[in-house]
C-alpha cells in the first residue's frame, strides 16, 4: 500500500483540483493571459461552493463577478479582521494571507 502522500490524499487532490479549476474557469475569463495562478484558482474553487465558478452567486449568495476590485478587497479584509460580520466569511477569510485575498478580489473583479 502506498503512503497517504502518494495516494489520493489531500495534497494530491488539491493539485488536481487546482489544475481542473484553472481549465474550468478559463471560459469565464475574457483573455487566456488572465488565467489565475494555481493558488488563486484553488482559492476561487473554495469560493465557488457558494458564489459559483463564474462568481455570479448562488441562491441567496451575492454575486462577486464584475464588482470593484477595491470594494472586494475592502470587504475581504474586513471579514478577516472581524470588522465585518458574517456567518462563514470571517472564518474563511482568516485562512488566507492578505496577498491571496487581494488576488481573489482582482480575479472576481475581472469576471463579467
PDB file of N, CA and C in Angstrom:
ATOM      1  N   UNK A   1       0.841  -1.186   0.000  1.00  0.00           N
ATOM      2  CA  UNK A   1       0.000   0.000   0.000  1.00  0.00           C
ATOM      3  C   UNK A   1       0.885   1.248   0.000  1.00  0.00           C
ATOM      4  N   UNK A   2       0.492   2.247  -0.773  1.00  0.00           N
ATOM      5  CA  UNK A   2       1.257   3.487  -0.859  1.00  0.00           C
ATOM      6  C   UNK A   2       1.003   4.365   0.353  1.00  0.00           C
ATOM      7  N   UNK A   3       2.008   5.127   0.770  1.00  0.00           N
ATOM      8  CA  UNK A   3       1.771   6.098   1.840  1.00  0.00           C
ATOM      9  C   UNK A   3       0.715   7.111   1.392  1.00  0.00           C
ATOM     10  N   UNK A   4       0.061   7.732   2.335  1.00  0.00           N
ATOM     11  CA  UNK A   4      -1.017   8.678   2.033  1.00  0.00           C
ATOM     12  C   UNK A   4      -0.595   9.759   1.044  1.00  0.00           C
ATOM     13  N   UNK A   5       0.627  10.245   1.139  1.00  0.00           N
ATOM     14  CA  UNK A   5       1.081  11.306   0.240  1.00  0.00           C
ATOM     15  C   UNK A   5       1.069  10.864  -1.212  1.00  0.00           C
ATOM     16  N   UNK A   6       1.173   9.565  -1.461  1.00  0.00           N
ATOM     17  CA  UNK A   6       1.192   9.065  -2.826  1.00  0.00           C
ATOM     18  C   UNK A   6      -0.163   8.539  -3.279  1.00  0.00           C
ATOM     19  N   UNK A   7      -1.098   8.446  -2.362  1.00  0.00           N
ATOM     20  CA  UNK A   7      -2.442   8.025  -2.737  1.00  0.00           C
ATOM     21  C   UNK A   7      -3.223   9.260  -3.145  1.00  0.00           C
ATOM     22  N   UNK A   8      -4.514   9.162  -3.153  1.00  0.00           N
ATOM     23  CA  UNK A   8      -5.317  10.344  -3.455  1.00  0.00           C
ATOM     24  C   UNK A   8      -5.590  11.120  -2.174  1.00  0.00           C
ATOM     25  N   UNK A   9      -4.545  11.361  -1.415  1.00  0.00           N
ATOM     26  CA  UNK A   9      -4.651  12.141  -0.188  1.00  0.00           C
ATOM     27  C   UNK A   9      -4.888  13.595  -0.512  1.00  0.00           C
ATOM     28  N   UNK A  10      -5.053  14.394   0.506  1.00  0.00           N
ATOM     29  CA  UNK A  10      -5.412  15.797   0.341  1.00  0.00           C
ATOM     30  C   UNK A  10      -4.431  16.557  -0.549  1.00  0.00           C
ATOM     31  N   UNK A  11      -3.102  16.448  -0.365  1.00  0.00           N
ATOM     32  CA  UNK A  11      -2.218  17.241  -1.221  1.00  0.00           C
ATOM     33  C   UNK A  11      -2.376  16.924  -2.694  1.00  0.00           C
ATOM     34  N   UNK A  12      -2.526  15.660  -3.037  1.00  0.00           N
ATOM     35  CA  UNK A  12      -2.671  15.282  -4.437  1.00  0.00           C
ATOM     36  C   UNK A  12      -3.996  15.788  -4.979  1.00  0.00           C
ATOM     37  N   UNK A  13      -5.056  15.646  -4.208  1.00  0.00           N
ATOM     38  CA  UNK A  13      -6.363  16.130  -4.658  1.00  0.00           C
ATOM     39  C   UNK A  13      -6.342  17.637  -4.850  1.00  0.00           C
ATOM     40  N   UNK A  14      -5.658  18.376  -3.985  1.00  0.00           N
ATOM     41  CA  UNK A  14      -5.604  19.834  -4.131  1.00  0.00           C
ATOM     42  C   UNK A  14      -4.908  20.218  -5.423  1.00  0.00           C
ATOM     43  N   UNK A  15      -3.805  19.547  -5.761  1.00  0.00           N
ATOM     44  CA  UNK A  15      -3.099  19.854  -7.013  1.00  0.00           C
ATOM     45  C   UNK A  15      -3.993  19.561  -8.203  1.00  0.00           C
ATOM     46  N   UNK A  16      -4.647  18.416  -8.202  1.00  0.00           N
ATOM     47  CA  UNK A  16      -5.536  18.057  -9.302  1.00  0.00           C
ATOM     48  C   UNK A  16      -6.690  19.041  -9.390  1.00  0.00           C
ATOM     49  N   UNK A  17      -7.185  19.452  -8.233  1.00  0.00           N
ATOM     50  CA  UNK A  17      -8.292  20.398  -8.211  1.00  0.00           C
ATOM     51  C   UNK A  17      -7.863  21.737  -8.783  1.00  0.00           C
ATOM     52  N   UNK A  18      -6.654  22.192  -8.447  1.00  0.00           N
ATOM     53  CA  UNK A  18      -6.154  23.464  -8.971  1.00  0.00           C
ATOM     54  C   UNK A  18      -6.103  23.450 -10.482  1.00  0.00           C
ATOM     55  N   UNK A  19      -5.542  22.402 -11.034  1.00  0.00           N
ATOM     56  CA  UNK A  19      -5.427  22.305 -12.485  1.00  0.00           C
ATOM     57  C   UNK A  19      -6.811  22.258 -13.112  1.00  0.00           C
ATOM     58  N   UNK A  20      -7.698  21.455 -12.531  1.00  0.00           N
ATOM     59  CA  UNK A  20      -9.056  21.360 -13.061  1.00  0.00           C
ATOM     60  C   UNK A  20      -9.798  22.668 -12.986  1.00  0.00           C
ATOM     61  N   UNK A  21      -9.620  23.398 -11.907  1.00  0.00           N
ATOM     62  CA  UNK A  21     -10.321  24.662 -11.737  1.00  0.00           C
ATOM     63  C   UNK A  21      -9.810  25.697 -12.721  1.00  0.00           C
ATOM     64  N   UNK A  22      -8.511  25.720 -12.981  1.00  0.00           N
ATOM     65  CA  UNK A  22      -7.965  26.676 -13.957  1.00  0.00           C
ATOM     66  C   UNK A  22      -8.644  26.464 -15.302  1.00  0.00           C
ATOM     67  N   UNK A  23      -8.776  25.209 -15.731  1.00  0.00           N
ATOM     68  CA  UNK A  23      -9.420  24.940 -17.011  1.00  0.00           C
ATOM     69  C   UNK A  23     -10.919  25.192 -16.960  1.00  0.00           C
ATOM     70  N   UNK A  24     -11.544  24.934 -15.836  1.00  0.00           N
ATOM     71  CA  UNK A  24     -12.981  25.185 -15.700  1.00  0.00           C
ATOM     72  C   UNK A  24     -13.286  26.679 -15.711  1.00  0.00           C
ATOM     73  N   UNK A  25     -12.371  27.476 -15.179  1.00  0.00           N
ATOM     74  CA  UNK A  25     -12.581  28.916 -15.113  1.00  0.00           C
ATOM     75  C   UNK A  25     -12.226  29.619 -16.416  1.00  0.00           C
ATOM     76  N   UNK A  26     -11.458  28.976 -17.273  1.00  0.00           N
ATOM     77  CA  UNK A  26     -10.971  29.608 -18.494  1.00  0.00           C
ATOM     78  C   UNK A  26     -12.067  30.255 -19.331  1.00  0.00           C
ATOM     79  N   UNK A  27     -13.217  29.601 -19.572  1.00  0.00           N
ATOM     80  CA  UNK A  27     -14.243  30.249 -20.400  1.00  0.00           C
ATOM     81  C   UNK A  27     -14.813  31.516 -19.778  1.00  0.00           C
ATOM     82  N   UNK A  28     -14.768  31.641 -18.467  1.00  0.00           N
ATOM     83  CA  UNK A  28     -15.332  32.812 -17.796  1.00  0.00           C
ATOM     84  C   UNK A  28     -14.444  34.040 -17.952  1.00  0.00           C
ATOM     85  N   UNK A  29     -13.196  33.841 -18.310  1.00  0.00           N
ATOM     86  CA  UNK A  29     -12.264  34.952 -18.455  1.00  0.00           C
ATOM     87  C   UNK A  29     -12.242  35.430 -19.898  1.00  0.00           C
ATOM     88  N   UNK A  30     -12.008  36.705 -20.096  1.00  0.00           N
ATOM     89  CA  UNK A  30     -12.055  37.242 -21.449  1.00  0.00           C
ATOM     90  C   UNK A  30     -10.786  36.958 -22.245  1.00  0.00           C
ATOM     91  N   UNK A  31      -9.655  36.755 -21.580  1.00  0.00           N
ATOM     92  CA  UNK A  31      -8.396  36.501 -22.280  1.00  0.00           C
ATOM     93  C   UNK A  31      -7.647  35.383 -21.569  1.00  0.00           C
ATOM     94  N   UNK A  32      -7.024  34.498 -22.347  1.00  0.00           N
ATOM     95  CA  UNK A  32      -6.271  33.387 -21.756  1.00  0.00           C
ATOM     96  C   UNK A  32      -5.139  33.890 -20.871  1.00  0.00           C
ATOM     97  N   UNK A  33      -4.585  35.054 -21.190  1.00  0.00           N
ATOM     98  CA  UNK A  33      -3.483  35.600 -20.390  1.00  0.00           C
ATOM     99  C   UNK A  33      -3.933  35.952 -18.984  1.00  0.00           C
ATOM    100  N   UNK A  34      -5.240  36.042 -18.765  1.00  0.00           N
ATOM    101  CA  UNK A  34      -5.745  36.412 -17.454  1.00  0.00           C
ATOM    102  C   UNK A  34      -6.034  35.203 -16.572  1.00  0.00           C
ATOM    103  N   UNK A  35      -5.638  34.006 -17.016  1.00  0.00           N
ATOM    104  CA  UNK A  35      -5.859  32.834 -16.184  1.00  0.00           C
ATOM    105  C   UNK A  35      -5.166  33.023 -14.844  1.00  0.00           C
ATOM    106  N   UNK A  36      -5.841  32.680 -13.766  1.00  0.00           N
ATOM    107  CA  UNK A  36      -5.231  32.852 -12.452  1.00  0.00           C
ATOM    108  C   UNK A  36      -4.135  31.830 -12.220  1.00  0.00           C
ATOM    109  N   UNK A  37      -3.209  32.162 -11.331  1.00  0.00           N
ATOM    110  CA  UNK A  37      -2.203  31.168 -10.979  1.00  0.00           C
ATOM    111  C   UNK A  37      -2.889  30.067 -10.169  1.00  0.00           C
ATOM    112  N   UNK A  38      -2.173  28.983  -9.904  1.00  0.00           N
ATOM    113  CA  UNK A  38      -2.770  27.819  -9.239  1.00  0.00           C
ATOM    114  C   UNK A  38      -3.305  28.167  -7.852  1.00  0.00           C
ATOM    115  N   UNK A  39      -2.625  29.037  -7.133  1.00  0.00           N
ATOM    116  CA  UNK A  39      -3.080  29.398  -5.790  1.00  0.00           C
ATOM    117  C   UNK A  39      -4.408  30.138  -5.855  1.00  0.00           C
ATOM    118  N   UNK A  40      -4.520  31.087  -6.766  1.00  0.00           N
ATOM    119  CA  UNK A  40      -5.761  31.839  -6.901  1.00  0.00           C
ATOM    120  C   UNK A  40      -6.878  30.931  -7.402  1.00  0.00           C
ATOM    121  N   UNK A  41      -6.564  30.031  -8.327  1.00  0.00           N
ATOM    122  CA  UNK A  41      -7.571  29.100  -8.838  1.00  0.00           C
ATOM    123  C   UNK A  41      -8.095  28.201  -7.730  1.00  0.00           C
ATOM    124  N   UNK A  42      -7.211  27.735  -6.884  1.00  0.00           N
ATOM    125  CA  UNK A  42      -7.634  26.880  -5.774  1.00  0.00           C
ATOM    126  C   UNK A  42      -8.505  27.665  -4.798  1.00  0.00           C
ATOM    127  N   UNK A  43      -8.104  28.875  -4.492  1.00  0.00           N
ATOM    128  CA  UNK A  43      -8.892  29.703  -3.591  1.00  0.00           C
ATOM    129  C   UNK A  43     -10.249  30.032  -4.206  1.00  0.00           C
ATOM    130  N   UNK A  44     -10.275  30.319  -5.510  1.00  0.00           N
ATOM    131  CA  UNK A  44     -11.542  30.607  -6.190  1.00  0.00           C
ATOM    132  C   UNK A  44     -12.445  29.381  -6.192  1.00  0.00           C
ATOM    133  N   UNK A  45     -11.848  28.201  -6.226  1.00  0.00           N
ATOM    134  CA  UNK A  45     -12.650  26.979  -6.151  1.00  0.00           C
ATOM    135  C   UNK A  45     -13.358  26.900  -4.806  1.00  0.00           C
ATOM    136  N   UNK A  46     -12.707  27.348  -3.760  1.00  0.00           N
ATOM    137  CA  UNK A  46     -13.353  27.379  -2.449  1.00  0.00           C
ATOM    138  C   UNK A  46     -14.525  28.363  -2.451  1.00  0.00           C
ATOM    139  N   UNK A  47     -14.389  29.452  -3.160  1.00  0.00           N
ATOM    140  CA  UNK A  47     -15.460  30.446  -3.250  1.00  0.00           C
ATOM    141  C   UNK A  47     -16.632  29.919  -4.072  1.00  0.00           C
ATOM    142  N   UNK A  48     -16.322  29.057  -5.041  1.00  0.00           N
ATOM    143  CA  UNK A  48     -17.335  28.552  -5.969  1.00  0.00           C
ATOM    144  C   UNK A  48     -18.446  27.781  -5.282  1.00  0.00           C
ATOM    145  N   UNK A  49     -18.165  27.194  -4.143  1.00  0.00           N
ATOM    146  CA  UNK A  49     -19.199  26.432  -3.442  1.00  0.00           C
ATOM    147  C   UNK A  49     -20.429  27.300  -3.160  1.00  0.00           C
ATOM    148  N   UNK A  50     -20.216  28.564  -2.854  1.00  0.00           N
ATOM    149  CA  UNK A  50     -21.335  29.465  -2.561  1.00  0.00           C
ATOM    150  C   UNK A  50     -21.577  30.489  -3.660  1.00  0.00           C
ATOM    151  N   UNK A  51     -20.498  30.986  -4.265  1.00  0.00           N
ATOM    152  CA  UNK A  51     -20.607  32.083  -5.227  1.00  0.00           C
ATOM    153  C   UNK A  51     -20.563  31.620  -6.676  1.00  0.00           C
ATOM    154  N   UNK A  52     -20.344  30.330  -6.914  1.00  0.00           N
ATOM    155  CA  UNK A  52     -20.301  29.798  -8.270  1.00  0.00           C
ATOM    156  C   UNK A  52     -18.956  30.004  -8.939  1.00  0.00           C
ATOM    157  N   UNK A  53     -18.621  29.128  -9.899  1.00  0.00           N
ATOM    158  CA  UNK A  53     -17.352  29.260 -10.629  1.00  0.00           C
ATOM    159  C   UNK A  53     -17.272  30.567 -11.393  1.00  0.00           C
ATOM    160  N   UNK A  54     -18.419  31.066 -11.823  1.00  0.00           N
ATOM    161  CA  UNK A  54     -18.441  32.307 -12.591  1.00  0.00           C
ATOM    162  C   UNK A  54     -18.585  33.541 -11.706  1.00  0.00           C
ATOM    163  N   UNK A  55     -18.654  33.347 -10.380  1.00  0.00           N
ATOM    164  CA  UNK A  55     -18.750  34.466  -9.449  1.00  0.00           C
ATOM    165  C   UNK A  55     -20.099  35.150  -9.427  1.00  0.00           C
ATOM    166  N   UNK A  56     -21.109  34.528 -10.017  1.00  0.00           N
ATOM    167  CA  UNK A  56     -22.415  35.177 -10.116  1.00  0.00           C
ATOM    168  C   UNK A  56     -23.357  34.847  -8.964  1.00  0.00           C
ATOM    169  N   UNK A  57     -22.867  34.163  -7.969  1.00  0.00           N
ATOM    170  CA  UNK A  57     -23.675  33.870  -6.791  1.00  0.00           C
ATOM    171  C   UNK A  57     -24.609  32.695  -7.018  1.00  0.00           C
ATOM    172  N   UNK A  58     -25.005  32.105  -5.939  1.00  0.00           N
ATOM    173  CA  UNK A  58     -25.950  31.001  -5.957  1.00  0.00           C
ATOM    174  C   UNK A  58     -27.009  31.296  -4.917  1.00  0.00           C
ATOM    175  N   UNK A  59     -28.250  31.137  -5.305  1.00  0.00           N
ATOM    176  CA  UNK A  59     -29.379  31.353  -4.408  1.00  0.00           C
ATOM    177  C   UNK A  59     -29.249  32.704  -3.706  1.00  0.00           C
ATOM    178  N   UNK A  60     -29.081  32.730  -2.393  1.00  0.00           N
ATOM    179  CA  UNK A  60     -29.041  33.991  -1.644  1.00  0.00           C
ATOM    180  C   UNK A  60     -27.639  34.593  -1.557  1.00  0.00           C
ATOM    181  N   UNK A  61     -26.643  33.930  -2.135  1.00  0.00           N
ATOM    182  CA  UNK A  61     -25.272  34.436  -2.049  1.00  0.00           C
ATOM    183  C   UNK A  61     -25.056  35.575  -3.038  1.00  0.00           C
ATOM    184  N   UNK A  62     -24.319  36.590  -2.632  1.00  0.00           N
ATOM    185  CA  UNK A  62     -24.101  37.732  -3.532  1.00  0.00           C
ATOM    186  C   UNK A  62     -23.188  37.390  -4.695  1.00  0.00           C
ATOM    187  N   UNK A  63     -23.400  38.094  -5.772  1.00  0.00           N
ATOM    188  CA  UNK A  63     -22.539  37.976  -6.945  1.00  0.00           C
ATOM    189  C   UNK A  63     -21.234  38.724  -6.680  1.00  0.00           C
ATOM    190  N   UNK A  64     -20.134  38.156  -7.125  1.00  0.00           N
ATOM    191  CA  UNK A  64     -18.824  38.795  -6.990  1.00  0.00           C
ATOM    192  C   UNK A  64     -18.302  39.276  -8.340  1.00  0.00           C
ATOM    193  N   UNK A  65     -18.774  38.664  -9.406  1.00  0.00           N
ATOM    194  CA  UNK A  65     -18.276  38.946 -10.752  1.00  0.00           C
ATOM    195  C   UNK A  65     -18.498  40.406 -11.122  1.00  0.00           C
ATOM    196  N   UNK A  66     -17.422  41.040 -11.578  1.00  0.00           N
ATOM    197  CA  UNK A  66     -17.512  42.398 -12.066  1.00  0.00           C
ATOM    198  C   UNK A  66     -17.597  43.488 -11.014  1.00  0.00           C
ATOM    199  N   UNK A  67     -17.614  43.128  -9.748  1.00  0.00           N
ATOM    200  CA  UNK A  67     -17.616  44.151  -8.695  1.00  0.00           C
ATOM    201  C   UNK A  67     -16.248  44.834  -8.677  1.00  0.00           C
ATOM    202  N   UNK A  68     -16.192  45.967  -8.091  1.00  0.00           N
ATOM    203  CA  UNK A  68     -14.931  46.698  -7.974  1.00  0.00           C
ATOM    204  C   UNK A  68     -13.912  45.885  -7.174  1.00  0.00           C
ATOM    205  N   UNK A  69     -12.700  45.778  -7.709  1.00  0.00           N
ATOM    206  CA  UNK A  69     -11.638  45.076  -7.001  1.00  0.00           C
ATOM    207  C   UNK A  69     -11.363  45.697  -5.644  1.00  0.00           C
ATOM    208  N   UNK A  70     -11.402  47.026  -5.582  1.00  0.00           N
ATOM    209  CA  UNK A  70     -11.162  47.717  -4.312  1.00  0.00           C
ATOM    210  C   UNK A  70     -12.250  47.403  -3.296  1.00  0.00           C
ATOM    211  N   UNK A  71     -13.505  47.353  -3.756  1.00  0.00           N
ATOM    212  CA  UNK A  71     -14.615  47.032  -2.860  1.00  0.00           C
ATOM    213  C   UNK A  71     -14.482  45.602  -2.332  1.00  0.00           C
ATOM    214  N   UNK A  72     -14.151  44.672  -3.225  1.00  0.00           N
ATOM    215  CA  UNK A  72     -13.992  43.280  -2.800  1.00  0.00           C
ATOM    216  C   UNK A  72     -12.827  43.130  -1.823  1.00  0.00           C
ATOM    217  N   UNK A  73     -11.721  43.812  -2.092  1.00  0.00           N
ATOM    218  CA  UNK A  73     -10.569  43.766  -1.176  1.00  0.00           C
ATOM    219  C   UNK A  73     -10.959  44.288   0.197  1.00  0.00           C
ATOM    220  N   UNK A  74     -11.647  45.424   0.202  1.00  0.00           N
ATOM    221  CA  UNK A  74     -12.059  46.040   1.472  1.00  0.00           C
ATOM    222  C   UNK A  74     -12.921  45.075   2.269  1.00  0.00           C
ATOM    223  N   UNK A  75     -13.881  44.437   1.608  1.00  0.00           N
ATOM    224  CA  UNK A  75     -14.775  43.522   2.317  1.00  0.00           C
ATOM    225  C   UNK A  75     -14.040  42.271   2.791  1.00  0.00           C
ATOM    226  N   UNK A  76     -13.191  41.706   1.943  1.00  0.00           N
ATOM    227  CA  UNK A  76     -12.459  40.502   2.347  1.00  0.00           C
ATOM    228  C   UNK A  76     -11.565  40.773   3.554  1.00  0.00           C
ATOM    229  N   UNK A  77     -10.873  41.913   3.533  1.00  0.00           N
ATOM    230  CA  UNK A  77     -10.003  42.260   4.664  1.00  0.00           C
ATOM    231  C   UNK A  77     -10.830  42.589   5.917  1.00  0.00           C
ATOM    232  N   UNK A  78     -12.006  43.171   5.722  1.00  0.00           N
ATOM    233  CA  UNK A  78     -12.881  43.455   6.866  1.00  0.00           C
ATOM    234  C   UNK A  78     -13.403  42.154   7.475  1.00  0.00           C
ATOM    235  N   UNK A  79     -13.736  41.168   6.629  1.00  0.00           N
ATOM    236  CA  UNK A  79     -14.123  39.859   7.156  1.00  0.00           C
ATOM    237  C   UNK A  79     -12.972  39.257   7.949  1.00  0.00           C
ATOM    238  N   UNK A  80     -11.774  39.358   7.396  1.00  0.00           N
ATOM    239  CA  UNK A  80     -10.598  38.761   8.054  1.00  0.00           C
ATOM    240  C   UNK A  80     -10.335  39.415   9.415  1.00  0.00           C
ATOM    241  N   UNK A  81     -10.450  40.726   9.487  1.00  0.00           N
ATOM    242  CA  UNK A  81     -10.169  41.435  10.740  1.00  0.00           C
ATOM    243  C   UNK A  81     -11.302  41.305  11.761  1.00  0.00           C
ATOM    244  N   UNK A  82     -12.477  40.914  11.280  1.00  0.00           N
ATOM    245  CA  UNK A  82     -13.622  40.817  12.175  1.00  0.00           C
ATOM    246  C   UNK A  82     -14.457  42.082  12.230  1.00  0.00           C
ATOM    247  N   UNK A  83     -14.074  43.109  11.468  1.00  0.00           N
ATOM    248  CA  UNK A  83     -14.848  44.354  11.493  1.00  0.00           C
ATOM    249  C   UNK A  83     -16.123  44.261  10.647  1.00  0.00           C
ATOM    250  N   UNK A  84     -16.227  43.241   9.817  1.00  0.00           N
ATOM    251  CA  UNK A  84     -17.446  42.987   9.049  1.00  0.00           C
ATOM    252  C   UNK A  84     -17.974  41.623   9.463  1.00  0.00           C
ATOM    253  N   UNK A  85     -19.204  41.619   9.961  1.00  0.00           N
ATOM    254  CA  UNK A  85     -19.798  40.370  10.443  1.00  0.00           C
ATOM    255  C   UNK A  85     -20.272  39.508   9.275  1.00  0.00           C
ATOM    256  N   UNK A  86     -20.299  38.240   9.501  1.00  0.00           N
ATOM    257  CA  UNK A  86     -20.803  37.294   8.520  1.00  0.00           C
ATOM    258  C   UNK A  86     -20.951  35.943   9.179  1.00  0.00           C
ATOM    259  N   UNK A  87     -21.589  35.027   8.480  1.00  0.00           N
ATOM    260  CA  UNK A  87     -21.768  33.695   9.059  1.00  0.00           C
ATOM    261  C   UNK A  87     -20.540  32.824   8.830  1.00  0.00           C
ATOM    262  N   UNK A  88     -20.079  32.742   7.604  1.00  0.00           N
ATOM    263  CA  UNK A  88     -18.963  31.864   7.247  1.00  0.00           C
ATOM    264  C   UNK A  88     -17.731  32.657   6.806  1.00  0.00           C
ATOM    265  N   UNK A  89     -17.944  33.788   6.159  1.00  0.00           N
ATOM    266  CA  UNK A  89     -16.838  34.527   5.563  1.00  0.00           C
ATOM    267  C   UNK A  89     -15.742  34.953   6.546  1.00  0.00           C
ATOM    268  N   UNK A  90     -16.050  35.382   7.768  1.00  0.00           N
ATOM    269  CA  UNK A  90     -14.952  35.740   8.671  1.00  0.00           C
ATOM    270  C   UNK A  90     -14.001  34.572   8.930  1.00  0.00           C
ATOM    271  N   UNK A  91     -14.558  33.379   9.106  1.00  0.00           N
ATOM    272  CA  UNK A  91     -13.715  32.206   9.345  1.00  0.00           C
ATOM    273  C   UNK A  91     -12.907  31.861   8.096  1.00  0.00           C
ATOM    274  N   UNK A  92     -13.538  31.917   6.932  1.00  0.00           N
ATOM    275  CA  UNK A  92     -12.841  31.599   5.686  1.00  0.00           C
ATOM    276  C   UNK A  92     -11.729  32.615   5.402  1.00  0.00           C
ATOM    277  N   UNK A  93     -12.030  33.886   5.553  1.00  0.00           N
ATOM    278  CA  UNK A  93     -11.052  34.932   5.230  1.00  0.00           C
ATOM    279  C   UNK A  93      -9.813  34.839   6.107  1.00  0.00           C
ATOM    280  N   UNK A  94      -9.977  34.425   7.353  1.00  0.00           N
ATOM    281  CA  UNK A  94      -8.817  34.304   8.242  1.00  0.00           C
ATOM    282  C   UNK A  94      -7.862  33.210   7.785  1.00  0.00           C
ATOM    283  N   UNK A  95      -8.303  32.334   6.908  1.00  0.00           N
ATOM    284  CA  UNK A  95      -7.444  31.261   6.408  1.00  0.00           C
ATOM    285  C   UNK A  95      -6.544  31.684   5.257  1.00  0.00           C
ATOM    286  N   UNK A  96      -6.648  32.920   4.820  1.00  0.00           N
ATOM    287  CA  UNK A  96      -5.863  33.396   3.674  1.00  0.00           C
ATOM    288  C   UNK A  96      -4.918  34.515   4.080  1.00  0.00           C
ATOM    289  N   UNK A  97      -3.808  34.583   3.374  1.00  0.00           N
ATOM    290  CA  UNK A  97      -2.889  35.702   3.549  1.00  0.00           C
ATOM    291  C   UNK A  97      -3.485  36.915   2.835  1.00  0.00           C
ATOM    292  N   UNK A  98      -3.056  38.101   3.210  1.00  0.00           N
ATOM    293  CA  UNK A  98      -3.580  39.325   2.600  1.00  0.00           C
ATOM    294  C   UNK A  98      -3.395  39.334   1.087  1.00  0.00           C
ATOM    295  N   UNK A  99      -2.252  38.892   0.612  1.00  0.00           N
ATOM    296  CA  UNK A  99      -1.987  38.871  -0.832  1.00  0.00           C
ATOM    297  C   UNK A  99      -2.936  37.922  -1.555  1.00  0.00           C
ATOM    298  N   UNK A 100      -3.296  36.817  -0.900  1.00  0.00           N
ATOM    299  CA  UNK A 100      -4.242  35.876  -1.506  1.00  0.00           C
ATOM    300  C   UNK A 100      -5.633  36.498  -1.601  1.00  0.00           C
ATOM    301  N   UNK A 101      -6.041  37.219  -0.573  1.00  0.00           N
ATOM    302  CA  UNK A 101      -7.338  37.903  -0.608  1.00  0.00           C
ATOM    303  C   UNK A 101      -7.355  38.958  -1.717  1.00  0.00           C
ATOM    304  N   UNK A 102      -6.242  39.681  -1.871  1.00  0.00           N
ATOM    305  CA  UNK A 102      -6.146  40.687  -2.930  1.00  0.00           C
ATOM    306  C   UNK A 102      -6.239  40.035  -4.305  1.00  0.00           C
ATOM    307  N   UNK A 103      -5.564  38.896  -4.483  1.00  0.00           N
ATOM    308  CA  UNK A 103      -5.600  38.184  -5.768  1.00  0.00           C
ATOM    309  C   UNK A 103      -7.012  37.694  -6.069  1.00  0.00           C
ATOM    310  N   UNK A 104      -7.717  37.202  -5.051  1.00  0.00           N
ATOM    311  CA  UNK A 104      -9.100  36.772  -5.250  1.00  0.00           C
ATOM    312  C   UNK A 104      -9.983  37.944  -5.656  1.00  0.00           C
ATOM    313  N   UNK A 105      -9.822  39.057  -4.989  1.00  0.00           N
ATOM    314  CA  UNK A 105     -10.633  40.232  -5.310  1.00  0.00           C
ATOM    315  C   UNK A 105     -10.405  40.662  -6.756  1.00  0.00           C
ATOM    316  N   UNK A 106      -9.166  40.706  -7.184  1.00  0.00           N
ATOM    317  CA  UNK A 106      -8.853  41.090  -8.559  1.00  0.00           C
ATOM    318  C   UNK A 106      -9.388  40.073  -9.556  1.00  0.00           C
ATOM    319  N   UNK A 107      -9.303  38.800  -9.213  1.00  0.00           N
ATOM    320  CA  UNK A 107      -9.818  37.746 -10.093  1.00  0.00           C
ATOM    321  C   UNK A 107     -11.325  37.929 -10.321  1.00  0.00           C
ATOM    322  N   UNK A 108     -12.080  38.060  -9.236  1.00  0.00           N
ATOM    323  CA  UNK A 108     -13.531  38.199  -9.384  1.00  0.00           C
ATOM    324  C   UNK A 108     -13.918  39.523 -10.016  1.00  0.00           C
ATOM    325  N   UNK A 109     -13.136  40.573  -9.815  1.00  0.00           N
ATOM    326  CA  UNK A 109     -13.411  41.849 -10.456  1.00  0.00           C
ATOM    327  C   UNK A 109     -13.276  41.748 -11.979  1.00  0.00           C
ATOM    328  N   UNK A 110     -12.394  40.879 -12.469  1.00  0.00           N
ATOM    329  CA  UNK A 110     -12.199  40.707 -13.924  1.00  0.00           C
ATOM    330  C   UNK A 110     -13.308  39.896 -14.579  1.00  0.00           C
ATOM    331  N   UNK A 111     -14.053  39.109 -13.816  1.00  0.00           N
ATOM    332  CA  UNK A 111     -15.126  38.298 -14.398  1.00  0.00           C
ATOM    333  C   UNK A 111     -16.293  39.188 -14.803  1.00  0.00           C
ATOM    334  N   UNK A 112     -16.907  38.859 -15.891  1.00  0.00           N
ATOM    335  CA  UNK A 112     -18.065  39.638 -16.373  1.00  0.00           C
ATOM    336  C   UNK A 112     -19.308  38.805 -16.333  1.00  0.00           C
TER     337      UNK A 112
END
